Amino acid sequence: MKMHIEIDCSPEEARALLGLPDVTKANEAYVEKVTNLMNGAGGIEQLQELGKQIAPMGQMGLQLFQQLIETGAKAAMSGLNSKDKK
């Protein structure tokens, strides 16, 4: 037996439903800090150095994250394509 349940809710409601903490204020502070740092950068070299400092594991971490996203997107697309064939 297969069941499909669809829940229509906002991100805030989804966090509450799953018991996840609200990190909105922390995210806003992080974005503000990074924006201020980027605005203070005088050139491309400083931006590259900033990127190395704020990215976890540097460029390798960003590449790993990109691969994760690409793999997830491919899996989602193959799932959609297989549903279309049925």
Protein backbone atom coordinates (compact mmCIF):
# COMPACT_ATOMS: atom_id res chain seq x y z
CA MET A 1 0.00 0.00 0.00
CA LYS A 2 1.29 3.42 -0.89
CA MET A 3 0.20 6.63 0.80
CA HIS A 4 0.92 10.18 -0.25
CA ILE A 5 0.51 12.97 2.29
CA GLU A 6 0.89 16.59 1.25
CA ILE A 7 1.28 19.30 3.86
CA ASP A 8 0.95 22.92 2.80
CA CYS A 9 2.69 25.15 5.34
CA SER A 10 5.12 28.02 5.67
CA PRO A 11 8.81 27.45 6.54
CA GLU A 12 8.08 28.65 10.08
CA GLU A 13 5.23 26.15 10.45
CA ALA A 14 7.40 23.36 9.03
CA ARG A 15 10.17 24.11 11.56
CA ALA A 16 7.64 24.02 14.41
CA LEU A 17 6.12 20.78 13.08
CA LEU A 18 9.53 19.09 12.94
CA GLY A 19 10.72 20.61 16.22
CA LEU A 20 13.60 22.50 14.61
CA PRO A 21 14.89 25.73 16.13
CA ASP A 22 14.20 29.10 14.54
CA VAL A 23 17.59 30.37 13.35
CA THR A 24 16.30 33.46 11.56
CA LYS A 25 18.11 35.94 13.82
CA ALA A 26 21.40 34.01 13.60
CA ASN A 27 21.09 33.83 9.82
CA GLU A 28 20.37 37.58 9.58
CA ALA A 29 23.42 38.35 11.74
CA TYR A 30 25.61 36.07 9.60
CA VAL A 31 24.39 37.62 6.34
CA GLU A 32 24.91 41.14 7.72
CA LYS A 33 28.46 40.28 8.85
CA VAL A 34 29.39 38.74 5.48
CA THR A 35 27.84 41.67 3.61
CA ASN A 36 29.85 44.15 5.68
CA LEU A 37 33.05 42.17 5.09
CA MET A 38 32.41 42.01 1.35
CA ASN A 39 31.65 45.72 1.16
CA GLY A 40 34.98 46.43 2.87
CA ALA A 41 36.97 44.33 0.40
CA GLY A 42 39.07 46.52 -1.88
CA GLY A 43 39.72 44.05 -4.68
CA ILE A 44 39.29 40.54 -6.05
CA GLU A 45 42.22 39.23 -4.01
CA GLN A 46 40.57 40.32 -0.77
CA LEU A 47 37.27 38.75 -1.86
CA GLN A 48 39.04 35.46 -2.62
CA GLU A 49 40.74 35.51 0.77
CA LEU A 50 37.39 36.26 2.42
CA GLY A 51 35.81 33.34 0.58
CA LYS A 52 38.52 31.02 1.87
CA GLN A 53 37.90 32.20 5.42
CA ILE A 54 34.11 31.89 5.48
CA ALA A 55 33.70 28.73 3.41
CA PRO A 56 33.96 25.52 5.45
CA MET A 57 36.96 23.51 4.26
CA GLY A 58 37.68 26.21 1.66
CA GLN A 59 37.24 25.42 -2.00
CA MET A 60 37.09 21.67 -1.35
CA GLY A 61 34.04 22.20 0.88
CA LEU A 62 32.33 24.28 -1.79
CA GLN A 63 33.03 21.62 -4.43
CA LEU A 64 31.67 18.91 -2.13
CA PHE A 65 28.53 20.97 -1.53
CA GLN A 66 28.12 21.55 -5.28
CA GLN A 67 28.44 17.82 -5.97
CA LEU A 68 25.85 17.11 -3.28
CA ILE A 69 23.39 19.56 -4.84
CA GLU A 70 24.00 18.23 -8.37
CA THR A 71 23.52 14.63 -7.24
CA GLY A 72 20.28 15.53 -5.48
CA ALA A 73 19.02 17.40 -8.52
CA LYS A 74 19.83 14.47 -10.82
CA ALA A 75 18.08 12.05 -8.47
CA ALA A 76 15.03 14.30 -8.29
CA MET A 77 14.92 14.65 -12.07
CA SER A 78 15.28 10.90 -12.63
CA GLY A 79 12.45 10.35 -10.13
CA LEU A 80 10.26 12.80 -12.01
CA ASN A 81 11.12 11.18 -15.35
CA SER A 82 10.31 7.70 -14.07
CA LYS A 83 6.91 8.90 -12.80
CA ASP A 84 6.17 10.41 -16.20
CA LYS A 85 6.81 7.05 -17.89
CA LYS A 86 4.32 5.16 -15.71
